Amino acid sequence: MKPVIGELTEKTTFEGQVLILPLPDADTFMKDFMAISEEQIGFIVNYVEKGGLLVVVLAKKEITHPSVESYKLLFEKLPWSVELENGGRSVSGTSTGNLEIENGGGVVILSWDEATGKSAIDEETMGFIEFKLGLK
């Protein structure tokens, strides 16, 4: 796996098979640079629709700065009814599980504790990740 280092662009987005997007929280350094642009949101949505796996890591602490609005917009643009709540610490909606795009990729939402190994990722989600990455 190759991480995206630097600015999120169309080229860097499509270089990997998984894109991990941690939501910035109250302790994030340089908060003013944590928002994602509408153009970057378009890259991410296109990436998922074309087969990529997006792993969203929810914030450890409530997001208290305006960049949270850009992540809410991303969730609105993805083809499911899931919304960020509690300042990016949780989600709600009619489908809060994994999102699979027919003939495309998918989206997984992990809590901070799941992403950092403090809590186990449930079997269904782990199986989904392995399937989407071709490990299963």
C-alpha atoms as a PDB file:
ATOM      1  CA  MET A   1       0.000   0.000   0.000  1.00  0.00           C
ATOM      2  CA  LYS A   2       1.204   3.478  -0.853  1.00  0.00           C
ATOM      3  CA  PRO A   3       0.043   6.390   1.328  1.00  0.00           C
ATOM      4  CA  VAL A   4      -0.937   9.734  -0.139  1.00  0.00           C
ATOM      5  CA  ILE A   5       1.561  12.268   1.138  1.00  0.00           C
ATOM      6  CA  GLY A   6       0.907  15.935   0.552  1.00  0.00           C
ATOM      7  CA  GLU A   7      -2.108  17.406  -1.163  1.00  0.00           C
ATOM      8  CA  LEU A   8      -5.057  15.202  -2.055  1.00  0.00           C
ATOM      9  CA  THR A   9      -5.371  15.462  -5.835  1.00  0.00           C
ATOM     10  CA  GLU A  10      -7.077  13.379  -8.510  1.00  0.00           C
ATOM     11  CA  LYS A  11      -3.739  11.735  -9.383  1.00  0.00           C
ATOM     12  CA  THR A  12      -2.758  10.876  -5.807  1.00  0.00           C
ATOM     13  CA  THR A  13      -6.284   9.666  -4.989  1.00  0.00           C
ATOM     14  CA  PHE A  14      -6.262   7.063  -7.749  1.00  0.00           C
ATOM     15  CA  GLU A  15      -2.822   5.635  -6.998  1.00  0.00           C
ATOM     16  CA  GLY A  16      -3.951   3.360  -4.165  1.00  0.00           C
ATOM     17  CA  GLN A  17      -6.570   0.736  -3.516  1.00  0.00           C
ATOM     18  CA  VAL A  18      -7.493   2.153  -0.121  1.00  0.00           C
ATOM     19  CA  LEU A  19      -7.829   5.746   1.007  1.00  0.00           C
ATOM     20  CA  ILE A  20      -7.836   6.284   4.771  1.00  0.00           C
ATOM     21  CA  LEU A  21      -9.439   9.569   5.749  1.00  0.00           C
ATOM     22  CA  PRO A  22      -9.112  10.427   9.448  1.00  0.00           C
ATOM     23  CA  LEU A  23     -11.416  13.214  10.564  1.00  0.00           C
ATOM     24  CA  PRO A  24      -9.542  16.039  12.301  1.00  0.00           C
ATOM     25  CA  ASP A  25     -10.522  16.627  15.910  1.00  0.00           C
ATOM     26  CA  ALA A  26     -10.097  19.421  18.453  1.00  0.00           C
ATOM     27  CA  ASP A  27      -6.412  18.552  18.988  1.00  0.00           C
ATOM     28  CA  THR A  28      -5.480  18.613  15.294  1.00  0.00           C
ATOM     29  CA  PHE A  29      -2.442  20.687  14.426  1.00  0.00           C
ATOM     30  CA  MET A  30      -3.067  23.436  11.837  1.00  0.00           C
ATOM     31  CA  LYS A  31      -6.865  23.153  11.942  1.00  0.00           C
ATOM     32  CA  ASP A  32      -7.335  25.713   9.151  1.00  0.00           C
ATOM     33  CA  PHE A  33      -5.823  23.248   6.658  1.00  0.00           C
ATOM     34  CA  MET A  34      -8.002  20.285   7.610  1.00  0.00           C
ATOM     35  CA  ALA A  35     -11.052  21.072   5.479  1.00  0.00           C
ATOM     36  CA  ILE A  36     -11.391  19.202   2.198  1.00  0.00           C
ATOM     37  CA  SER A  37     -12.395  21.209  -0.857  1.00  0.00           C
ATOM     38  CA  GLU A  38     -15.411  20.472  -3.062  1.00  0.00           C
ATOM     39  CA  GLU A  39     -12.945  19.463  -5.779  1.00  0.00           C
ATOM     40  CA  GLN A  40     -11.278  16.973  -3.411  1.00  0.00           C
ATOM     41  CA  ILE A  41     -14.698  15.650  -2.392  1.00  0.00           C
ATOM     42  CA  GLY A  42     -15.356  15.013  -6.087  1.00  0.00           C
ATOM     43  CA  PHE A  43     -12.068  13.078  -6.371  1.00  0.00           C
ATOM     44  CA  ILE A  44     -12.980  10.942  -3.358  1.00  0.00           C
ATOM     45  CA  VAL A  45     -16.520  10.159  -4.568  1.00  0.00           C
ATOM     46  CA  ASN A  46     -15.172   9.293  -8.035  1.00  0.00           C
ATOM     47  CA  TYR A  47     -12.479   7.110  -6.447  1.00  0.00           C
ATOM     48  CA  VAL A  48     -15.109   5.094  -4.565  1.00  0.00           C
ATOM     49  CA  GLU A  49     -17.389   4.798  -7.591  1.00  0.00           C
ATOM     50  CA  LYS A  50     -14.487   3.467  -9.677  1.00  0.00           C
ATOM     51  CA  GLY A  51     -13.561   0.700  -7.215  1.00  0.00           C
ATOM     52  CA  GLY A  52     -11.550   2.268  -4.403  1.00  0.00           C
ATOM     53  CA  LEU A  53     -12.100   1.609  -0.728  1.00  0.00           C
ATOM     54  CA  LEU A  54     -12.541   4.665   1.479  1.00  0.00           C
ATOM     55  CA  VAL A  55     -11.956   4.097   5.197  1.00  0.00           C
ATOM     56  CA  VAL A  56     -13.262   6.990   7.268  1.00  0.00           C
ATOM     57  CA  VAL A  57     -11.859   7.193  10.796  1.00  0.00           C
ATOM     58  CA  LEU A  58     -14.179   9.110  13.094  1.00  0.00           C
ATOM     59  CA  ALA A  59     -12.716  11.843  15.285  1.00  0.00           C
ATOM     60  CA  LYS A  60     -11.303  10.957  18.691  1.00  0.00           C
ATOM     61  CA  LYS A  61     -12.629  14.211  20.157  1.00  0.00           C
ATOM     62  CA  GLU A  62     -15.418  16.434  18.905  1.00  0.00           C
ATOM     63  CA  ILE A  63     -14.515  18.548  15.872  1.00  0.00           C
ATOM     64  CA  THR A  64     -15.017  22.108  17.037  1.00  0.00           C
ATOM     65  CA  HIS A  65     -13.771  23.987  13.975  1.00  0.00           C
ATOM     66  CA  PRO A  66     -15.512  24.760  10.666  1.00  0.00           C
ATOM     67  CA  SER A  67     -13.722  22.017   8.670  1.00  0.00           C
ATOM     68  CA  VAL A  68     -16.337  19.537   9.936  1.00  0.00           C
ATOM     69  CA  GLU A  69     -18.736  21.007   7.356  1.00  0.00           C
ATOM     70  CA  SER A  70     -16.553  19.757   4.497  1.00  0.00           C
ATOM     71  CA  TYR A  71     -16.702  16.191   5.838  1.00  0.00           C
ATOM     72  CA  LYS A  72     -20.480  16.473   6.216  1.00  0.00           C
ATOM     73  CA  LEU A  73     -20.618  17.506   2.548  1.00  0.00           C
ATOM     74  CA  LEU A  74     -18.562  14.441   1.585  1.00  0.00           C
ATOM     75  CA  PHE A  75     -21.077  12.202   3.372  1.00  0.00           C
ATOM     76  CA  GLU A  76     -23.924  13.947   1.519  1.00  0.00           C
ATOM     77  CA  LYS A  77     -22.244  13.280  -1.848  1.00  0.00           C
ATOM     78  CA  LEU A  78     -21.727   9.555  -1.199  1.00  0.00           C
ATOM     79  CA  PRO A  79     -24.687   7.393  -2.298  1.00  0.00           C
ATOM     80  CA  TRP A  80     -26.021   6.529   1.160  1.00  0.00           C
ATOM     81  CA  SER A  81     -28.040   8.155   3.909  1.00  0.00           C
ATOM     82  CA  VAL A  82     -25.419   8.546   6.622  1.00  0.00           C
ATOM     83  CA  GLU A  83     -24.699  11.741   8.520  1.00  0.00           C
ATOM     84  CA  LEU A  84     -21.904  12.775  10.853  1.00  0.00           C
ATOM     85  CA  GLU A  85     -22.993  13.507  14.418  1.00  0.00           C
ATOM     86  CA  ASN A  86     -21.430  14.584  17.694  1.00  0.00           C
ATOM     87  CA  GLY A  87     -18.784  16.673  15.985  1.00  0.00           C
ATOM     88  CA  GLY A  88     -17.572  13.776  13.847  1.00  0.00           C
ATOM     89  CA  ARG A  89     -17.412  11.205  16.642  1.00  0.00           C
ATOM     90  CA  SER A  90     -20.355   9.116  15.409  1.00  0.00           C
ATOM     91  CA  VAL A  91     -22.715   8.593  12.491  1.00  0.00           C
ATOM     92  CA  SER A  92     -26.452   8.103  12.083  1.00  0.00           C
ATOM     93  CA  GLY A  93     -28.758   7.282   9.252  1.00  0.00           C
ATOM     94  CA  THR A  94     -30.748   4.576   7.577  1.00  0.00           C
ATOM     95  CA  SER A  95     -27.607   2.636   6.704  1.00  0.00           C
ATOM     96  CA  THR A  96     -24.707   3.101   9.079  1.00  0.00           C
ATOM     97  CA  GLY A  97     -22.945  -0.096   8.060  1.00  0.00           C
ATOM     98  CA  ASN A  98     -20.461  -0.568   5.266  1.00  0.00           C
ATOM     99  CA  LEU A  99     -21.351   0.908   1.897  1.00  0.00           C
ATOM    100  CA  GLU A 100     -20.777  -1.240  -1.160  1.00  0.00           C
ATOM    101  CA  ILE A 101     -21.040   0.385  -4.550  1.00  0.00           C
ATOM    102  CA  GLU A 102     -22.315  -2.006  -7.223  1.00  0.00           C
ATOM    103  CA  ASN A 103     -19.442  -2.617  -9.681  1.00  0.00           C
ATOM    104  CA  GLY A 104     -17.387  -0.191  -7.619  1.00  0.00           C
ATOM    105  CA  GLY A 105     -15.658   0.256  -4.315  1.00  0.00           C
ATOM    106  CA  GLY A 106     -16.942   0.868  -0.873  1.00  0.00           C
ATOM    107  CA  VAL A 107     -16.843   2.902   2.291  1.00  0.00           C
ATOM    108  CA  VAL A 108     -16.085   1.717   5.807  1.00  0.00           C
ATOM    109  CA  ILE A 109     -16.485   3.843   8.913  1.00  0.00           C
ATOM    110  CA  LEU A 110     -14.264   3.029  11.877  1.00  0.00           C
ATOM    111  CA  SER A 111     -14.288   4.563  15.310  1.00  0.00           C
ATOM    112  CA  TRP A 112     -11.022   6.034  16.567  1.00  0.00           C
ATOM    113  CA  ASP A 113     -10.589   3.040  18.907  1.00  0.00           C
ATOM    114  CA  GLU A 114     -11.157   0.531  16.081  1.00  0.00           C
ATOM    115  CA  ALA A 115      -8.687   2.311  13.801  1.00  0.00           C
ATOM    116  CA  THR A 116      -6.009   2.425  16.508  1.00  0.00           C
ATOM    117  CA  GLY A 117      -6.491  -1.172  17.679  1.00  0.00           C
ATOM    118  CA  LYS A 118      -7.986  -0.308  21.075  1.00  0.00           C
ATOM    119  CA  SER A 119     -11.250  -2.018  20.052  1.00  0.00           C
ATOM    120  CA  ALA A 120     -11.727  -4.932  17.690  1.00  0.00           C
ATOM    121  CA  ILE A 121     -13.234  -4.362  14.253  1.00  0.00           C
ATOM    122  CA  ASP A 122     -16.339  -6.532  13.925  1.00  0.00           C
ATOM    123  CA  GLU A 123     -16.133  -9.620  11.700  1.00  0.00           C
ATOM    124  CA  GLU A 124     -18.530  -8.304   9.062  1.00  0.00           C
ATOM    125  CA  THR A 125     -16.549  -5.083   8.587  1.00  0.00           C
ATOM    126  CA  MET A 126     -13.221  -6.905   8.572  1.00  0.00           C
ATOM    127  CA  GLY A 127     -14.565  -9.363   5.978  1.00  0.00           C
ATOM    128  CA  PHE A 128     -15.810  -6.452   3.858  1.00  0.00           C
ATOM    129  CA  ILE A 129     -12.384  -4.751   3.990  1.00  0.00           C
ATOM    130  CA  GLU A 130     -10.592  -7.993   3.072  1.00  0.00           C
ATOM    131  CA  PHE A 131     -13.030  -8.629   0.198  1.00  0.00           C
ATOM    132  CA  LYS A 132     -12.669  -5.110  -1.210  1.00  0.00           C
ATOM    133  CA  LEU A 133      -8.856  -5.328  -1.016  1.00  0.00           C
ATOM    134  CA  GLY A 134      -8.835  -8.747  -2.710  1.00  0.00           C
ATOM    135  CA  LEU A 135      -7.478 -10.498   0.380  1.00  0.00           C
ATOM    136  CA  LYS A 136     -10.398 -12.901   0.642  1.00  0.00           C
END
